[in-house]
N, C-alpha and C. Protein backbone atom coordinates (compact mmCIF):
# COMPACT_ATOMS: atom_id res chain seq x y z
N MET A 1 -83.80 -12.09 39.53
CA MET A 1 -84.51 -11.04 40.17
C MET A 1 -84.95 -9.85 39.04
N LYS A 2 -86.16 -9.53 39.03
CA LYS A 2 -86.83 -8.41 38.28
C LYS A 2 -86.70 -7.31 38.85
N LEU A 3 -86.08 -5.96 38.09
CA LEU A 3 -86.50 -4.72 38.80
C LEU A 3 -87.32 -3.89 37.66
N SER A 4 -88.10 -2.84 38.32
CA SER A 4 -89.31 -2.15 37.74
C SER A 4 -88.76 -0.79 37.83
N ILE A 5 -88.70 0.00 36.92
CA ILE A 5 -88.10 1.42 37.30
C ILE A 5 -89.55 2.31 36.92
N ILE A 6 -89.96 2.93 37.73
CA ILE A 6 -91.33 3.91 37.33
C ILE A 6 -90.52 5.00 37.16
N ASN A 7 -90.72 5.49 36.18
CA ASN A 7 -90.93 7.19 35.74
C ASN A 7 -92.13 7.91 35.97
N GLY A 8 -92.28 8.64 36.92
CA GLY A 8 -93.33 9.18 37.26
C GLY A 8 -93.59 10.34 36.65
N SER A 9 -92.78 10.97 35.94
CA SER A 9 -93.04 12.20 35.03
C SER A 9 -94.42 11.84 34.28
N GLN A 10 -94.95 13.40 34.15
CA GLN A 10 -96.12 13.17 33.13
C GLN A 10 -95.79 13.74 31.85
N ARG A 11 -94.33 14.11 31.59
CA ARG A 11 -94.11 14.46 30.05
C ARG A 11 -93.24 13.47 29.47
N LYS A 12 -93.45 13.13 28.04
CA LYS A 12 -93.15 12.31 27.47
C LYS A 12 -91.36 12.83 27.14
N GLU A 13 -90.43 11.90 26.95
CA GLU A 13 -89.38 12.30 26.60
C GLU A 13 -88.82 13.09 27.56
N SER A 14 -89.14 12.94 28.80
CA SER A 14 -88.50 13.74 29.88
C SER A 14 -87.18 13.40 30.35
N GLN A 15 -86.50 14.32 31.12
CA GLN A 15 -85.30 13.99 31.90
C GLN A 15 -85.21 13.12 32.89
N SER A 16 -86.47 13.01 33.26
CA SER A 16 -86.62 11.88 34.37
C SER A 16 -86.48 10.31 33.57
N GLY A 17 -87.19 10.06 32.48
CA GLY A 17 -87.17 9.19 31.57
C GLY A 17 -85.63 9.07 30.84
N ARG A 18 -84.57 9.92 30.77
CA ARG A 18 -83.34 9.86 30.38
C ARG A 18 -82.42 9.24 31.96
N VAL A 19 -82.86 9.70 33.11
CA VAL A 19 -82.61 9.11 34.18
C VAL A 19 -82.65 7.74 34.25
N ALA A 20 -84.07 7.40 34.11
CA ALA A 20 -84.55 5.94 34.35
C ALA A 20 -83.48 5.02 33.21
N GLN A 21 -83.43 5.50 32.09
CA GLN A 21 -82.76 4.69 31.20
C GLN A 21 -80.94 4.64 31.86
N PHE A 22 -80.58 5.66 32.54
CA PHE A 22 -79.17 5.61 32.78
C PHE A 22 -79.28 4.49 34.05
N ILE A 23 -80.44 4.57 34.59
CA ILE A 23 -80.51 3.58 35.97
C ILE A 23 -80.56 2.02 35.50
N LYS A 24 -81.41 2.21 34.41
CA LYS A 24 -81.80 0.52 33.82
C LYS A 24 -80.25 0.06 33.47
N ALA A 25 -79.40 0.83 32.94
CA ALA A 25 -78.49 0.17 32.31
C ALA A 25 -77.08 -0.29 33.50
N HIS A 26 -77.35 0.38 34.24
CA HIS A 26 -76.51 0.26 35.72
C HIS A 26 -76.79 -0.71 37.05
N SER A 27 -78.03 -1.42 36.64
CA SER A 27 -78.77 -2.32 37.60
C SER A 27 -78.33 -3.45 37.43
N HIS A 28 -77.19 -3.60 37.75
CA HIS A 28 -76.09 -5.10 37.72
C HIS A 28 -76.95 -6.08 38.71
N SER A 29 -77.65 -5.80 39.32
CA SER A 29 -77.77 -6.53 40.67
C SER A 29 -79.09 -7.67 40.02
N PHE A 30 -79.62 -7.14 39.09
CA PHE A 30 -81.05 -7.47 38.68
C PHE A 30 -80.95 -8.59 37.47
N SER A 31 -81.39 -9.40 37.06
CA SER A 31 -81.15 -10.15 36.06
C SER A 31 -82.22 -9.71 34.69
N GLU A 32 -83.09 -9.00 35.11
CA GLU A 32 -84.28 -8.33 33.99
C GLU A 32 -84.72 -7.03 35.03
N VAL A 33 -84.73 -5.88 33.67
CA VAL A 33 -84.93 -4.70 34.40
C VAL A 33 -86.01 -3.92 33.29
N GLU A 34 -87.01 -3.39 33.49
CA GLU A 34 -88.11 -2.60 32.99
C GLU A 34 -88.17 -1.21 33.38
N VAL A 35 -88.42 -0.36 32.33
CA VAL A 35 -89.04 0.94 32.66
C VAL A 35 -90.23 0.95 32.31
N ILE A 36 -91.12 1.54 33.32
CA ILE A 36 -92.36 1.84 33.06
C ILE A 36 -92.64 3.23 33.12
N GLU A 37 -93.10 3.87 31.85
CA GLU A 37 -93.35 5.39 31.64
C GLU A 37 -94.52 5.41 31.92
N LEU A 38 -94.67 6.09 33.03
CA LEU A 38 -96.32 6.32 33.62
C LEU A 38 -96.89 7.47 32.40
N ALA A 39 -96.16 8.04 31.85
CA ALA A 39 -96.89 9.25 31.01
C ALA A 39 -97.53 8.31 29.56
N ASP A 40 -97.07 7.16 29.49
CA ASP A 40 -97.64 5.98 28.50
C ASP A 40 -98.87 5.67 28.80
N TYR A 41 -99.54 5.88 29.81
CA TYR A 41 -100.68 5.20 30.50
C TYR A 41 -101.75 6.43 31.23
N SER A 42 -102.85 6.10 31.30
CA SER A 42 -103.95 6.90 31.77
C SER A 42 -104.40 6.33 32.93
N LEU A 43 -104.20 6.99 33.82
CA LEU A 43 -104.21 6.35 35.22
C LEU A 43 -105.22 7.63 35.75
N PRO A 44 -106.52 7.24 35.74
CA PRO A 44 -107.59 8.30 36.49
C PRO A 44 -107.38 8.57 37.91
N PHE A 45 -108.04 9.44 38.58
CA PHE A 45 -107.84 9.33 39.90
C PHE A 45 -108.71 8.25 40.52
N TRP A 46 -108.20 7.82 41.47
CA TRP A 46 -108.64 6.55 42.17
C TRP A 46 -110.04 7.06 43.03
N ASP A 47 -111.10 6.44 43.29
CA ASP A 47 -112.18 6.84 43.83
C ASP A 47 -112.17 6.23 45.13
N GLY A 48 -111.03 5.65 45.51
CA GLY A 48 -110.75 5.10 47.04
C GLY A 48 -111.59 3.78 47.24
N ASP A 49 -112.07 3.38 46.05
CA ASP A 49 -113.10 2.01 46.58
C ASP A 49 -112.99 1.19 45.57
N SER A 50 -113.63 1.36 44.33
CA SER A 50 -113.50 0.38 43.17
C SER A 50 -112.63 0.27 42.47
N ILE A 51 -112.11 -1.05 42.03
CA ILE A 51 -111.00 -1.17 41.01
C ILE A 51 -111.02 -0.70 39.95
N GLU A 52 -112.20 -0.78 39.40
CA GLU A 52 -112.27 -0.33 38.14
C GLU A 52 -112.22 1.18 37.81
N SER A 53 -112.07 2.13 39.07
CA SER A 53 -112.02 3.43 38.91
C SER A 53 -110.44 3.37 38.62
N LYS A 54 -109.56 2.56 38.76
CA LYS A 54 -108.10 2.82 38.86
C LYS A 54 -107.90 2.78 37.21
N GLY A 55 -108.71 2.47 36.30
CA GLY A 55 -108.59 2.67 34.67
C GLY A 55 -108.18 1.27 34.34
N ALA A 56 -108.47 1.21 33.03
CA ALA A 56 -107.90 -0.02 32.12
C ALA A 56 -106.59 -0.27 32.42
N ASP A 57 -105.51 1.05 32.14
CA ASP A 57 -104.31 0.79 32.09
C ASP A 57 -103.81 0.21 33.27
N TRP A 58 -104.23 0.51 34.54
CA TRP A 58 -103.76 -0.28 35.74
C TRP A 58 -103.60 -1.69 35.32
N GLY A 59 -104.40 -2.04 34.67
CA GLY A 59 -104.14 -3.69 34.59
C GLY A 59 -103.42 -4.14 33.49
N VAL A 60 -102.80 -3.20 32.90
CA VAL A 60 -101.30 -3.30 32.34
C VAL A 60 -100.12 -3.35 33.25
N ILE A 61 -100.17 -2.35 33.82
CA ILE A 61 -98.93 -2.13 34.91
C ILE A 61 -98.91 -3.12 36.04
N GLU A 62 -100.03 -3.28 36.61
CA GLU A 62 -100.21 -4.14 37.87
C GLU A 62 -99.43 -5.41 37.67
N PRO A 63 -99.61 -6.37 36.69
CA PRO A 63 -98.88 -7.55 36.38
C PRO A 63 -97.48 -7.46 36.25
N LYS A 64 -96.88 -6.40 35.75
CA LYS A 64 -95.50 -6.01 35.67
C LYS A 64 -94.74 -5.53 36.89
N LEU A 65 -95.64 -5.23 37.67
CA LEU A 65 -95.25 -4.88 39.32
C LEU A 65 -95.45 -6.18 40.06
N ALA A 66 -96.08 -6.96 39.87
CA ALA A 66 -96.33 -8.39 40.38
C ALA A 66 -95.28 -8.92 40.33
N GLN A 67 -94.60 -9.21 39.06
CA GLN A 67 -93.41 -10.16 38.53
C GLN A 67 -92.35 -9.40 39.17
N SER A 68 -92.05 -7.91 39.71
CA SER A 68 -90.85 -7.56 40.16
C SER A 68 -90.73 -7.86 41.55
N GLN A 69 -89.49 -7.90 42.01
CA GLN A 69 -88.87 -7.97 43.35
C GLN A 69 -88.58 -6.82 43.81
N ALA A 70 -88.30 -5.94 43.16
CA ALA A 70 -87.85 -4.33 43.85
C ALA A 70 -88.21 -3.39 42.84
N TYR A 71 -88.39 -2.33 43.18
CA TYR A 71 -88.87 -0.89 42.49
C TYR A 71 -87.82 0.01 42.67
N VAL A 72 -87.89 1.03 41.65
CA VAL A 72 -87.18 2.38 41.46
C VAL A 72 -88.20 3.19 41.31
N LEU A 73 -88.49 4.24 42.15
CA LEU A 73 -89.58 5.37 42.32
C LEU A 73 -88.88 6.81 41.60
N ILE A 74 -89.20 6.98 40.59
CA ILE A 74 -88.44 8.49 39.88
C ILE A 74 -89.71 9.48 40.02
N THR A 75 -89.29 10.96 40.72
CA THR A 75 -89.98 11.84 40.16
C THR A 75 -89.24 13.12 40.04
N PRO A 76 -89.76 13.85 38.87
CA PRO A 76 -89.28 14.80 38.78
C PRO A 76 -89.99 15.93 39.90
N GLU A 77 -89.23 16.99 40.13
CA GLU A 77 -89.49 17.73 41.27
C GLU A 77 -90.45 19.01 40.47
N TRP A 78 -91.44 19.27 40.92
CA TRP A 78 -92.80 20.16 40.07
C TRP A 78 -93.23 21.23 41.57
N ASN A 79 -92.95 22.11 41.25
CA ASN A 79 -93.54 23.12 42.34
C ASN A 79 -92.84 22.44 43.85
N GLY A 80 -91.58 22.17 43.90
CA GLY A 80 -91.20 21.48 45.20
C GLY A 80 -91.92 20.17 45.70
N MET A 81 -92.67 19.63 44.58
CA MET A 81 -93.39 18.50 44.95
C MET A 81 -93.16 17.33 44.30
N ALA A 82 -93.78 16.00 44.50
CA ALA A 82 -93.55 14.91 43.65
C ALA A 82 -94.87 15.06 42.92
N THR A 83 -94.97 14.50 41.43
CA THR A 83 -95.81 14.52 40.50
C THR A 83 -97.14 13.94 41.19
N PRO A 84 -98.41 14.40 40.64
CA PRO A 84 -99.43 14.08 40.74
C PRO A 84 -99.46 12.39 40.33
N LEU A 85 -98.83 12.11 39.26
CA LEU A 85 -98.92 10.93 38.70
C LEU A 85 -98.31 9.65 39.56
N ILE A 86 -97.02 10.00 40.22
CA ILE A 86 -96.28 9.17 40.95
C ILE A 86 -97.45 9.00 42.37
N LYS A 87 -97.89 10.03 42.53
CA LYS A 87 -98.66 9.92 43.82
C LYS A 87 -99.95 9.10 43.36
N GLN A 88 -100.39 9.12 42.42
CA GLN A 88 -101.38 8.25 41.85
C GLN A 88 -101.13 6.72 41.65
N PHE A 89 -99.96 6.60 41.29
CA PHE A 89 -99.26 5.18 41.28
C PHE A 89 -99.10 4.69 42.67
N LEU A 90 -98.88 5.37 43.39
CA LEU A 90 -98.72 4.90 44.83
C LEU A 90 -99.87 4.56 45.48
N MET A 91 -100.91 5.45 45.14
CA MET A 91 -102.39 5.27 45.69
C MET A 91 -102.96 3.62 44.92
N ASN A 92 -102.85 3.75 43.79
CA ASN A 92 -103.34 2.58 43.10
C ASN A 92 -102.33 1.38 43.49
N ALA A 93 -101.39 1.38 44.05
CA ALA A 93 -100.46 -0.11 44.36
C ALA A 93 -101.07 -0.70 45.75
N SER A 94 -100.84 -1.86 45.75
CA SER A 94 -101.63 -2.93 46.93
C SER A 94 -100.84 -3.87 47.20
N VAL A 95 -101.01 -4.03 48.57
CA VAL A 95 -100.11 -5.10 49.30
C VAL A 95 -100.15 -6.28 48.55
N PRO A 96 -101.02 -6.91 47.98
CA PRO A 96 -100.54 -8.62 47.44
C PRO A 96 -99.91 -8.27 46.18
N VAL A 97 -99.41 -6.83 45.56
CA VAL A 97 -98.65 -6.82 44.50
C VAL A 97 -97.09 -6.30 45.10
N THR A 98 -97.13 -5.28 45.90
CA THR A 98 -96.23 -4.57 45.89
C THR A 98 -95.68 -4.62 47.50
N GLY A 99 -96.65 -5.08 48.48
CA GLY A 99 -96.05 -5.36 49.89
C GLY A 99 -94.63 -6.12 50.35
N HIS A 100 -94.16 -5.45 51.14
CA HIS A 100 -93.02 -6.06 51.52
C HIS A 100 -91.89 -6.07 50.45
N LYS A 101 -92.02 -5.40 49.27
CA LYS A 101 -90.74 -5.34 48.56
C LYS A 101 -90.16 -4.35 48.47
N PRO A 102 -88.78 -3.87 48.36
CA PRO A 102 -88.02 -2.66 48.45
C PRO A 102 -88.05 -2.02 47.38
N ALA A 103 -88.05 -0.63 47.58
CA ALA A 103 -88.03 0.49 46.52
C ALA A 103 -87.02 1.66 46.87
N LEU A 104 -86.41 1.85 45.66
CA LEU A 104 -85.53 3.31 46.08
C LEU A 104 -86.02 4.40 45.36
N LEU A 105 -86.28 5.38 46.14
CA LEU A 105 -86.64 6.52 45.78
C LEU A 105 -85.81 8.13 44.74
N VAL A 106 -86.00 8.22 44.17
CA VAL A 106 -85.18 9.09 43.09
C VAL A 106 -85.98 10.12 42.72
N SER A 107 -85.28 11.65 43.14
CA SER A 107 -85.68 12.84 42.68
C SER A 107 -85.09 13.28 41.87
N VAL A 108 -85.61 14.29 40.89
CA VAL A 108 -84.95 14.72 39.75
C VAL A 108 -85.17 16.34 39.64
N SER A 109 -84.16 17.28 39.73
CA SER A 109 -84.26 18.76 39.91
C SER A 109 -83.44 19.39 38.68
N SER A 110 -84.12 20.21 37.93
CA SER A 110 -83.48 21.07 37.08
C SER A 110 -82.59 21.67 37.96
N GLY A 111 -83.01 22.26 38.93
CA GLY A 111 -82.09 23.29 39.93
C GLY A 111 -81.31 22.51 41.03
N VAL A 112 -81.30 23.21 42.09
CA VAL A 112 -80.31 22.47 43.17
C VAL A 112 -80.98 22.02 44.48
N ASN A 113 -82.45 21.81 44.23
CA ASN A 113 -83.01 21.45 45.21
C ASN A 113 -83.56 19.75 45.20
N GLY A 114 -84.74 19.45 44.88
CA GLY A 114 -85.01 17.87 45.01
C GLY A 114 -85.41 17.26 46.07
N VAL A 115 -85.05 17.92 47.12
CA VAL A 115 -85.16 17.13 48.58
C VAL A 115 -86.94 17.21 48.90
N TYR A 116 -87.87 18.14 48.79
CA TYR A 116 -88.95 18.31 48.78
C TYR A 116 -89.71 16.63 48.38
N PRO A 117 -89.70 16.19 46.94
CA PRO A 117 -90.42 15.56 46.88
C PRO A 117 -89.95 14.30 47.37
N LEU A 118 -88.82 13.75 47.56
CA LEU A 118 -88.43 12.38 48.69
C LEU A 118 -89.09 12.71 49.87
N SER A 119 -89.19 13.83 50.57
CA SER A 119 -89.57 13.75 52.02
C SER A 119 -91.16 13.44 51.90
N GLU A 120 -91.71 13.91 50.90
CA GLU A 120 -93.27 13.77 50.91
C GLU A 120 -93.67 12.53 50.47
N LEU A 121 -92.87 11.73 49.87
CA LEU A 121 -93.05 10.37 49.44
C LEU A 121 -92.73 9.57 50.39
N MET A 122 -91.71 10.06 51.41
CA MET A 122 -91.57 9.18 52.45
C MET A 122 -92.56 9.38 53.62
N VAL A 123 -93.01 10.27 53.59
CA VAL A 123 -94.20 10.46 54.80
C VAL A 123 -95.14 9.58 54.80
N SER A 124 -95.77 9.07 53.78
CA SER A 124 -96.96 8.31 53.46
C SER A 124 -97.02 7.84 52.12
N GLY A 125 -96.21 7.71 51.10
CA GLY A 125 -96.22 7.12 49.98
C GLY A 125 -95.90 5.73 49.82
N ASN A 126 -95.81 4.83 51.47
CA ASN A 126 -95.79 3.60 51.29
C ASN A 126 -96.72 2.95 52.10
N LYS A 127 -97.57 3.93 53.03
CA LYS A 127 -98.36 3.47 54.17
C LYS A 127 -99.15 2.26 53.59
N ASN A 128 -99.74 2.51 52.57
CA ASN A 128 -100.77 1.15 52.32
C ASN A 128 -100.42 0.34 51.58
N ASN A 129 -99.63 0.76 50.58
CA ASN A 129 -99.15 -0.25 49.41
C ASN A 129 -97.72 -1.13 50.18
N LYS A 130 -97.42 -0.65 51.21
CA LYS A 130 -96.28 -1.36 52.22
C LYS A 130 -94.90 -1.67 51.49
N MET A 131 -94.53 -0.84 50.39
CA MET A 131 -93.49 -1.04 49.99
C MET A 131 -92.37 -0.61 50.87
N VAL A 132 -91.48 -1.02 50.83
CA VAL A 132 -90.18 -0.96 51.93
C VAL A 132 -89.15 0.22 51.14
N PHE A 133 -89.38 1.29 51.54
CA PHE A 133 -88.49 2.36 51.16
C PHE A 133 -87.00 2.09 51.77
N VAL A 134 -85.90 1.80 50.79
CA VAL A 134 -84.74 1.67 51.46
C VAL A 134 -83.98 2.54 51.93
N PRO A 135 -83.12 2.59 53.14
CA PRO A 135 -82.24 3.82 53.71
C PRO A 135 -81.50 4.51 52.88
N ALA A 136 -81.84 4.68 51.56
CA ALA A 136 -80.90 5.23 50.89
C ALA A 136 -81.39 6.11 49.78
N ASN A 137 -81.23 7.16 49.41
CA ASN A 137 -82.04 7.70 48.23
C ASN A 137 -81.06 8.43 47.23
N ILE A 138 -81.72 8.90 46.18
CA ILE A 138 -80.89 9.76 45.27
C ILE A 138 -81.38 11.21 44.62
N ILE A 139 -80.88 12.15 44.63
CA ILE A 139 -81.23 13.39 44.05
C ILE A 139 -80.54 13.77 43.12
N VAL A 140 -81.14 13.75 41.76
CA VAL A 140 -79.99 14.19 40.50
C VAL A 140 -80.51 15.65 40.19
N ARG A 141 -79.31 16.41 40.88
CA ARG A 141 -79.87 18.04 40.58
C ARG A 141 -78.80 18.40 39.50
N ASN A 142 -79.38 19.43 38.81
CA ASN A 142 -78.98 20.04 37.67
C ASN A 142 -79.00 19.08 36.67
N VAL A 143 -80.19 18.54 36.42
CA VAL A 143 -80.10 16.99 35.63
C VAL A 143 -79.66 17.21 34.08
N ASP A 144 -79.85 18.67 33.78
CA ASP A 144 -79.98 19.01 32.08
C ASP A 144 -77.98 18.54 31.84
N GLU A 145 -77.27 18.67 33.04
CA GLU A 145 -75.76 18.35 33.07
C GLU A 145 -75.33 17.09 33.57
N MET A 146 -76.29 16.55 33.94
CA MET A 146 -75.79 15.17 34.48
C MET A 146 -76.15 13.72 33.65
N LEU A 147 -75.48 12.88 33.88
CA LEU A 147 -75.50 11.40 33.42
C LEU A 147 -75.73 11.41 32.12
N HIS A 148 -75.11 11.99 31.15
CA HIS A 148 -75.15 11.65 29.83
C HIS A 148 -74.11 10.78 29.59
N SER A 149 -73.79 10.44 27.96
CA SER A 149 -72.78 9.35 27.97
C SER A 149 -71.61 9.94 28.29
N GLU A 150 -70.47 8.95 28.37
CA GLU A 150 -69.16 9.37 28.93
C GLU A 150 -68.58 10.32 27.69
N GLU A 151 -68.56 10.33 26.59
CA GLU A 151 -68.16 11.38 25.75
C GLU A 151 -68.91 12.61 25.69
N ALA A 152 -69.97 12.54 25.71
CA ALA A 152 -70.99 13.96 25.90
C ALA A 152 -70.17 14.54 27.20
N SER A 153 -70.34 13.58 28.40
CA SER A 153 -69.83 14.22 29.57
C SER A 153 -68.29 14.89 29.44
N GLU A 154 -67.47 14.18 28.98
CA GLU A 154 -66.47 14.70 28.56
C GLU A 154 -66.42 16.43 28.26
N GLN A 155 -67.35 16.66 27.15
CA GLN A 155 -67.42 17.96 26.50
C GLN A 155 -68.21 18.88 27.36
N ALA A 156 -69.48 18.32 28.04
CA ALA A 156 -70.12 19.20 28.45
C ALA A 156 -69.64 19.74 29.84
N LEU A 157 -68.87 18.61 30.20
CA LEU A 157 -68.57 18.83 32.12
C LEU A 157 -66.88 19.07 32.13
N SER A 158 -66.44 20.18 31.13
CA SER A 158 -65.23 20.22 31.16
C SER A 158 -64.84 21.38 32.37
N LYS A 159 -65.70 21.80 33.19
CA LYS A 159 -65.36 22.57 34.50
C LYS A 159 -65.32 21.53 35.44
N GLY A 160 -64.67 21.82 36.43
CA GLY A 160 -64.18 20.71 37.37
C GLY A 160 -65.13 20.32 38.31
N GLU A 161 -66.18 21.35 38.81
CA GLU A 161 -67.03 21.24 39.47
C GLU A 161 -68.05 20.25 39.09
N LEU A 162 -68.49 20.52 37.94
CA LEU A 162 -69.74 19.96 37.25
C LEU A 162 -69.17 18.48 37.19
N ALA A 163 -68.12 18.20 36.84
CA ALA A 163 -67.49 16.82 36.52
C ALA A 163 -67.26 16.34 37.88
N SER A 164 -66.91 16.70 38.69
CA SER A 164 -66.88 16.04 40.14
C SER A 164 -68.34 15.59 40.47
N ARG A 165 -69.28 16.64 40.27
CA ARG A 165 -70.87 16.17 40.84
C ARG A 165 -71.33 15.23 40.08
N ASP A 166 -70.90 15.28 38.83
CA ASP A 166 -71.28 13.97 37.88
C ASP A 166 -70.69 12.80 38.34
N ARG A 167 -69.73 12.50 38.60
CA ARG A 167 -69.12 11.10 39.09
C ARG A 167 -69.68 11.03 40.61
N ALA A 168 -69.92 11.88 41.15
CA ALA A 168 -70.44 11.57 42.71
C ALA A 168 -71.59 11.01 42.54
N ILE A 169 -72.73 11.72 41.60
CA ILE A 169 -74.08 11.19 41.42
C ILE A 169 -73.96 9.52 41.01
N ARG A 170 -72.92 9.30 39.89
CA ARG A 170 -72.63 8.08 39.49
C ARG A 170 -72.48 7.02 40.43
N GLU A 171 -71.76 7.34 41.46
CA GLU A 171 -71.26 6.49 42.42
C GLU A 171 -72.18 6.34 43.35
N ARG A 172 -73.11 7.42 43.68
CA ARG A 172 -74.12 7.14 44.58
C ARG A 172 -75.38 6.39 43.97
N ILE A 173 -75.34 6.54 42.56
CA ILE A 173 -76.58 5.71 41.86
C ILE A 173 -76.09 3.98 41.82
N ALA A 174 -74.95 3.78 41.64
CA ALA A 174 -74.43 2.15 41.77
C ALA A 174 -74.29 1.73 43.26
N GLU A 175 -74.08 2.42 44.31
CA GLU A 175 -74.19 1.96 45.43
C GLU A 175 -75.54 1.77 45.88
N SER A 176 -76.20 2.85 45.45
CA SER A 176 -77.84 2.62 46.01
C SER A 176 -78.42 1.42 45.38
N LEU A 177 -78.07 1.07 44.13
CA LEU A 177 -78.79 -0.16 43.15
C LEU A 177 -77.94 -1.55 43.73
N SER A 178 -77.01 -1.10 44.28
CA SER A 178 -76.30 -2.60 44.89
C SER A 178 -77.00 -2.80 46.20
N LEU A 179 -77.41 -1.88 46.91
CA LEU A 179 -77.85 -1.91 48.41
C LEU A 179 -79.35 -2.46 47.95
N LEU A 180 -80.36 -1.90 46.68
CA LEU A 180 -81.17 -2.43 46.64
C LEU A 180 -81.36 -3.83 46.22
N GLY A 181 -80.45 -4.47 45.56
CA GLY A 181 -80.24 -5.87 45.08
C GLY A 181 -80.07 -6.38 46.41
N ARG A 182 -79.63 -6.14 47.49
CA ARG A 182 -79.34 -7.09 48.87
C ARG A 182 -80.94 -6.83 49.31
N TYR A 183 -81.25 -5.95 49.50
CA TYR A 183 -82.73 -5.89 50.02
C TYR A 183 -83.63 -6.68 49.14
N ALA A 184 -83.54 -6.68 48.07
CA ALA A 184 -84.47 -7.75 47.09
C ALA A 184 -84.23 -9.10 47.75
N GLU A 185 -83.23 -9.41 47.52
CA GLU A 185 -82.54 -10.85 47.96
C GLU A 185 -83.01 -11.24 49.29
N LEU A 186 -82.87 -10.52 50.56
CA LEU A 186 -83.21 -10.65 51.96
C LEU A 186 -84.80 -10.60 52.03
N LEU A 187 -85.54 -9.76 51.24
CA LEU A 187 -86.79 -9.51 51.53
C LEU A 187 -87.91 -10.37 50.61
N THR A 188 -87.30 -11.37 50.09
CA THR A 188 -88.11 -12.31 49.13
C THR A 188 -88.79 -13.06 49.91
N PRO A 189 -88.47 -13.81 50.82
CA PRO A 189 -89.31 -14.49 51.96
C PRO A 189 -90.49 -13.90 52.25
N LEU A 190 -90.42 -12.73 52.73
CA LEU A 190 -91.78 -11.82 53.01
C LEU A 190 -92.76 -10.82 52.02
N ASN A 191 -92.22 -11.43 50.63
CA ASN A 191 -93.16 -11.00 49.52
C ASN A 191 -94.80 -11.59 49.86
N ASP A 192 -94.92 -12.86 50.28
CA ASP A 192 -96.06 -13.23 50.59
C ASP A 192 -96.69 -12.68 51.97
N TYR A 193 -96.02 -11.90 52.58
CA TYR A 193 -96.57 -12.04 53.84
C TYR A 193 -97.78 -11.01 53.98
N ARG A 194 -98.73 -11.33 54.54
CA ARG A 194 -99.81 -10.52 54.88
C ARG A 194 -100.46 -10.00 56.01
N ASP A 195 -100.02 -8.97 56.61
CA ASP A 195 -100.57 -8.84 57.97
C ASP A 195 -101.79 -8.53 58.10
N PRO A 196 -102.24 -8.35 59.19
CA PRO A 196 -104.14 -8.14 59.32
C PRO A 196 -104.28 -6.81 59.63
N TYR A 197 -103.27 -5.86 59.51
CA TYR A 197 -103.62 -4.19 59.45
C TYR A 197 -103.14 -3.57 58.19
N GLY A 198 -104.39 -3.74 57.42
CA GLY A 198 -104.05 -3.50 55.91
C GLY A 198 -103.85 -2.07 55.59
N TYR A 199 -104.34 -1.17 56.63
CA TYR A 199 -104.24 0.29 56.37
C TYR A 199 -103.28 0.94 57.24
N GLY A 200 -102.44 0.27 58.01
CA GLY A 200 -101.36 0.78 58.49
C GLY A 200 -101.82 1.57 59.90
N MET A 201 -100.89 2.58 60.47
CA MET A 201 -101.50 3.31 61.37
C MET A 201 -102.09 4.68 60.77
């Protein structure tokens, strides 16, 4: 099974990108894992109608999504919101490609929040593309201090509280990725399902 990890940061070499690489290294339920850095592509605002308005780069991203059985969607928290780029990605995604495939939502915050981007995406992020958001999510708070290499973590996380939080988020990521793998296996027969209500409710 293939997993696509979508980094929705609009900045190159972002903390979200580092989280994406950590998740890739721990996605043991999947035989192939690819990180898609949306900052490397040009995704213009879709006009809601023509495929052409999604931009030429969407023609590069879409085949990658089609080959995948599951997704991880990562967004940094910007002003308490998900990034415009991850939302444009979800607008572009369509049922024939992403429908009825599981997705794990991940929010990254430099502070102690990170809840609002997840709430925002869960309200309508999968309405028309019909991804199946699994009933688990990840919030990486204080990301500057979290998920570094073990050696770096030992040096940077000498204080007990930070070390405990780092271990906890690692455990949460491992469990969530395992759950995502199970959903991918079980939903595979539904990948080709096309219901008659293309736009949901």
